[in-house]
Amino acid sequence: MLDPTRPHWVPSVVAPSRDWDGWPGCRRGARFLISERDLRPDYSDFPAFETRAECLRWIMAHRADLARSAPGAPIVPVELDRWLLGLA
């Protein structure tokens, strides 16, 4: 359960093209979070961090696997509340 009084940072990715290899059948610009379990674009099972720096450290620690599962798209930390509202 996440504390709603604090910001939470999550790894996010945007599909760079239609029918992207990271999520076949998606549209260009589709937004995804990254699953903590299998390090693939998804909408659930995502890690949440208290700071942007912690999220960046996690992304850097898994960068090789993320590059394979989300080819051609940068994985960036975003605030979960802004992502849910479509602002990030």
N, C-alpha and C. Protein backbone atom coordinates (compact mmCIF):
# COMPACT_ATOMS: atom_id res chain seq x y z
N MET A 1 0.84 -1.17 0.00
CA MET A 1 0.00 0.00 0.00
C MET A 1 0.89 1.24 0.00
N LEU A 2 0.62 2.16 -0.89
CA LEU A 2 1.42 3.37 -0.98
C LEU A 2 0.81 4.48 -0.14
N ASP A 3 1.68 5.26 0.50
CA ASP A 3 1.25 6.39 1.32
C ASP A 3 0.85 7.54 0.39
N PRO A 4 -0.42 7.96 0.40
CA PRO A 4 -0.87 9.00 -0.51
C PRO A 4 -0.37 10.40 -0.15
N THR A 5 0.26 10.56 1.00
CA THR A 5 0.73 11.89 1.40
C THR A 5 2.14 12.19 0.90
N ARG A 6 2.80 11.21 0.28
CA ARG A 6 4.16 11.40 -0.22
C ARG A 6 4.22 11.07 -1.70
N PRO A 7 5.13 11.71 -2.40
CA PRO A 7 5.30 11.37 -3.82
C PRO A 7 5.98 10.01 -3.95
N HIS A 8 5.66 9.30 -5.02
CA HIS A 8 6.27 8.01 -5.33
C HIS A 8 6.77 8.08 -6.76
N TRP A 9 8.00 7.66 -6.95
CA TRP A 9 8.63 7.67 -8.26
C TRP A 9 8.63 6.27 -8.84
N VAL A 10 8.32 6.16 -10.12
CA VAL A 10 8.25 4.87 -10.80
C VAL A 10 8.96 4.95 -12.15
N PRO A 11 9.52 3.83 -12.62
CA PRO A 11 10.13 3.82 -13.95
C PRO A 11 9.04 3.74 -15.02
N SER A 12 9.19 4.58 -16.03
CA SER A 12 8.17 4.68 -17.07
C SER A 12 8.83 4.69 -18.44
N VAL A 13 8.05 4.30 -19.44
CA VAL A 13 8.54 4.30 -20.82
C VAL A 13 7.38 4.67 -21.74
N VAL A 14 7.70 5.30 -22.86
CA VAL A 14 6.72 5.67 -23.88
C VAL A 14 7.09 4.94 -25.17
N ALA A 15 6.12 4.28 -25.78
CA ALA A 15 6.37 3.53 -27.02
C ALA A 15 6.82 4.50 -28.12
N PRO A 16 7.99 4.29 -28.69
CA PRO A 16 8.50 5.21 -29.71
C PRO A 16 7.86 5.02 -31.09
N SER A 17 7.17 3.92 -31.28
CA SER A 17 6.57 3.67 -32.60
C SER A 17 5.36 2.74 -32.46
N ARG A 18 4.56 2.72 -33.50
CA ARG A 18 3.42 1.81 -33.54
C ARG A 18 3.93 0.38 -33.59
N ASP A 19 3.25 -0.54 -32.95
CA ASP A 19 3.61 -1.95 -32.93
C ASP A 19 5.06 -2.14 -32.46
N TRP A 20 5.42 -1.44 -31.44
CA TRP A 20 6.76 -1.43 -30.84
C TRP A 20 7.13 -2.83 -30.34
N ASP A 21 8.38 -3.21 -30.46
CA ASP A 21 8.85 -4.53 -30.02
C ASP A 21 8.66 -4.74 -28.51
N GLY A 22 8.68 -3.67 -27.74
CA GLY A 22 8.49 -3.79 -26.30
C GLY A 22 7.06 -4.14 -25.91
N TRP A 23 6.10 -3.82 -26.78
CA TRP A 23 4.68 -4.12 -26.53
C TRP A 23 4.00 -4.22 -27.90
N PRO A 24 4.12 -5.36 -28.56
CA PRO A 24 3.53 -5.52 -29.90
C PRO A 24 2.04 -5.17 -29.91
N GLY A 25 1.65 -4.44 -30.93
CA GLY A 25 0.26 -4.05 -31.10
C GLY A 25 -0.10 -2.71 -30.49
N CYS A 26 0.85 -2.06 -29.81
CA CYS A 26 0.54 -0.78 -29.19
C CYS A 26 0.58 0.35 -30.21
N ARG A 27 0.08 1.49 -29.81
CA ARG A 27 0.15 2.67 -30.66
C ARG A 27 1.38 3.49 -30.28
N ARG A 28 1.84 4.33 -31.18
CA ARG A 28 2.96 5.22 -30.88
C ARG A 28 2.53 6.17 -29.76
N GLY A 29 3.39 6.36 -28.77
CA GLY A 29 3.09 7.25 -27.66
C GLY A 29 2.39 6.58 -26.49
N ALA A 30 2.12 5.28 -26.59
CA ALA A 30 1.49 4.56 -25.47
C ALA A 30 2.44 4.60 -24.27
N ARG A 31 1.88 4.83 -23.10
CA ARG A 31 2.68 4.95 -21.88
C ARG A 31 2.59 3.68 -21.04
N PHE A 32 3.73 3.27 -20.51
CA PHE A 32 3.79 2.06 -19.69
C PHE A 32 4.66 2.31 -18.47
N LEU A 33 4.41 1.55 -17.44
CA LEU A 33 5.32 1.46 -16.31
C LEU A 33 6.16 0.21 -16.53
N ILE A 34 7.18 0.02 -15.74
CA ILE A 34 8.05 -1.15 -15.88
C ILE A 34 7.77 -2.12 -14.75
N SER A 35 7.51 -3.35 -15.10
CA SER A 35 7.25 -4.40 -14.11
C SER A 35 8.53 -4.73 -13.34
N GLU A 36 8.43 -4.78 -12.04
CA GLU A 36 9.58 -5.13 -11.22
C GLU A 36 9.94 -6.60 -11.37
N ARG A 37 8.94 -7.43 -11.60
CA ARG A 37 9.14 -8.88 -11.68
C ARG A 37 9.91 -9.29 -12.92
N ASP A 38 9.47 -8.82 -14.09
CA ASP A 38 10.13 -9.27 -15.33
C ASP A 38 10.81 -8.15 -16.12
N LEU A 39 10.83 -6.93 -15.57
CA LEU A 39 11.52 -5.78 -16.18
C LEU A 39 11.03 -5.49 -17.59
N ARG A 40 9.74 -5.65 -17.81
CA ARG A 40 9.13 -5.37 -19.11
C ARG A 40 8.08 -4.28 -18.96
N PRO A 41 7.74 -3.59 -20.06
CA PRO A 41 6.65 -2.62 -19.99
C PRO A 41 5.36 -3.30 -19.54
N ASP A 42 4.64 -2.65 -18.66
CA ASP A 42 3.42 -3.24 -18.09
C ASP A 42 2.63 -2.13 -17.40
N TYR A 43 1.53 -2.51 -16.78
CA TYR A 43 0.72 -1.56 -16.02
C TYR A 43 0.63 -1.93 -14.55
N SER A 44 1.23 -3.03 -14.16
CA SER A 44 1.14 -3.47 -12.77
C SER A 44 2.49 -4.01 -12.32
N ASP A 45 2.57 -4.33 -11.05
CA ASP A 45 3.78 -4.92 -10.46
C ASP A 45 5.00 -4.02 -10.63
N PHE A 46 4.80 -2.71 -10.56
CA PHE A 46 5.89 -1.77 -10.74
C PHE A 46 6.53 -1.42 -9.39
N PRO A 47 7.84 -1.15 -9.38
CA PRO A 47 8.48 -0.72 -8.14
C PRO A 47 8.18 0.76 -7.91
N ALA A 48 8.04 1.16 -6.67
CA ALA A 48 7.82 2.56 -6.32
C ALA A 48 8.91 3.00 -5.36
N PHE A 49 9.43 4.18 -5.58
CA PHE A 49 10.55 4.70 -4.80
C PHE A 49 10.18 6.04 -4.18
N GLU A 50 10.81 6.35 -3.05
CA GLU A 50 10.52 7.60 -2.35
C GLU A 50 11.15 8.81 -3.01
N THR A 51 12.26 8.59 -3.73
CA THR A 51 12.94 9.71 -4.37
C THR A 51 13.24 9.39 -5.83
N ARG A 52 13.44 10.45 -6.61
CA ARG A 52 13.80 10.30 -8.01
C ARG A 52 15.16 9.61 -8.12
N ALA A 53 16.06 9.95 -7.22
CA ALA A 53 17.41 9.36 -7.24
C ALA A 53 17.36 7.85 -7.03
N GLU A 54 16.53 7.38 -6.11
CA GLU A 54 16.40 5.94 -5.89
C GLU A 54 15.87 5.25 -7.14
N CYS A 55 14.92 5.87 -7.79
CA CYS A 55 14.35 5.30 -9.01
C CYS A 55 15.42 5.25 -10.11
N LEU A 56 16.20 6.32 -10.24
CA LEU A 56 17.28 6.33 -11.23
C LEU A 56 18.32 5.26 -10.95
N ARG A 57 18.65 5.06 -9.68
CA ARG A 57 19.61 4.00 -9.32
C ARG A 57 19.08 2.63 -9.75
N TRP A 58 17.79 2.39 -9.53
CA TRP A 58 17.18 1.11 -9.91
C TRP A 58 17.24 0.95 -11.43
N ILE A 59 16.91 2.01 -12.15
CA ILE A 59 16.95 1.96 -13.62
C ILE A 59 18.37 1.65 -14.09
N MET A 60 19.37 2.32 -13.52
CA MET A 60 20.75 2.09 -13.92
C MET A 60 21.23 0.67 -13.55
N ALA A 61 20.77 0.15 -12.43
CA ALA A 61 21.16 -1.20 -12.02
C ALA A 61 20.60 -2.27 -12.95
N HIS A 62 19.50 -1.95 -13.63
CA HIS A 62 18.85 -2.92 -14.53
C HIS A 62 18.90 -2.49 -16.00
N ARG A 63 19.78 -1.57 -16.33
CA ARG A 63 19.77 -0.97 -17.67
C ARG A 63 19.94 -1.97 -18.81
N ALA A 64 20.76 -3.00 -18.63
CA ALA A 64 20.95 -3.97 -19.72
C ALA A 64 19.66 -4.74 -19.99
N ASP A 65 19.00 -5.22 -18.95
CA ASP A 65 17.74 -5.95 -19.13
C ASP A 65 16.65 -5.02 -19.67
N LEU A 66 16.62 -3.79 -19.20
CA LEU A 66 15.61 -2.84 -19.68
C LEU A 66 15.82 -2.51 -21.15
N ALA A 67 17.07 -2.42 -21.58
CA ALA A 67 17.35 -2.13 -22.99
C ALA A 67 16.85 -3.26 -23.89
N ARG A 68 16.90 -4.49 -23.39
CA ARG A 68 16.41 -5.63 -24.18
C ARG A 68 14.87 -5.69 -24.17
N SER A 69 14.26 -5.35 -23.06
CA SER A 69 12.80 -5.48 -22.97
C SER A 69 12.05 -4.25 -23.47
N ALA A 70 12.73 -3.11 -23.55
CA ALA A 70 12.11 -1.89 -24.05
C ALA A 70 13.06 -1.24 -25.06
N PRO A 71 13.30 -1.91 -26.19
CA PRO A 71 14.29 -1.43 -27.16
C PRO A 71 13.92 -0.09 -27.78
N GLY A 72 14.92 0.78 -27.86
CA GLY A 72 14.74 2.05 -28.55
C GLY A 72 13.95 3.10 -27.79
N ALA A 73 13.69 2.89 -26.53
CA ALA A 73 12.92 3.85 -25.75
C ALA A 73 13.60 4.10 -24.41
N PRO A 74 13.75 5.35 -24.03
CA PRO A 74 14.36 5.63 -22.74
C PRO A 74 13.42 5.31 -21.58
N ILE A 75 13.96 4.73 -20.53
CA ILE A 75 13.22 4.48 -19.30
C ILE A 75 13.51 5.68 -18.40
N VAL A 76 12.48 6.35 -17.93
CA VAL A 76 12.66 7.56 -17.13
C VAL A 76 11.85 7.47 -15.83
N PRO A 77 12.35 8.10 -14.77
CA PRO A 77 11.57 8.14 -13.53
C PRO A 77 10.49 9.21 -13.63
N VAL A 78 9.29 8.89 -13.20
CA VAL A 78 8.19 9.86 -13.18
C VAL A 78 7.45 9.72 -11.85
N GLU A 79 6.79 10.79 -11.45
CA GLU A 79 5.97 10.72 -10.25
C GLU A 79 4.70 9.95 -10.59
N LEU A 80 4.38 8.97 -9.78
CA LEU A 80 3.25 8.08 -10.05
C LEU A 80 1.94 8.85 -10.18
N ASP A 81 1.68 9.80 -9.32
CA ASP A 81 0.42 10.54 -9.40
C ASP A 81 0.30 11.30 -10.73
N ARG A 82 1.38 11.90 -11.19
CA ARG A 82 1.36 12.61 -12.47
C ARG A 82 1.20 11.63 -13.64
N TRP A 83 1.82 10.45 -13.53
CA TRP A 83 1.68 9.45 -14.59
C TRP A 83 0.23 8.98 -14.67
N LEU A 84 -0.38 8.71 -13.53
CA LEU A 84 -1.77 8.25 -13.51
C LEU A 84 -2.71 9.29 -14.10
N LEU A 85 -2.40 10.57 -13.94
CA LEU A 85 -3.24 11.63 -14.48
C LEU A 85 -2.90 11.95 -15.94
N GLY A 86 -1.88 11.30 -16.48
CA GLY A 86 -1.49 11.54 -17.88
C GLY A 86 -0.66 12.79 -18.05
N LEU A 87 -0.07 13.30 -16.98
CA LEU A 87 0.71 14.53 -17.03
C LEU A 87 2.20 14.26 -17.20
N ALA A 88 2.60 13.02 -17.09
CA ALA A 88 4.02 12.68 -17.22
C ALA A 88 4.19 11.50 -18.15
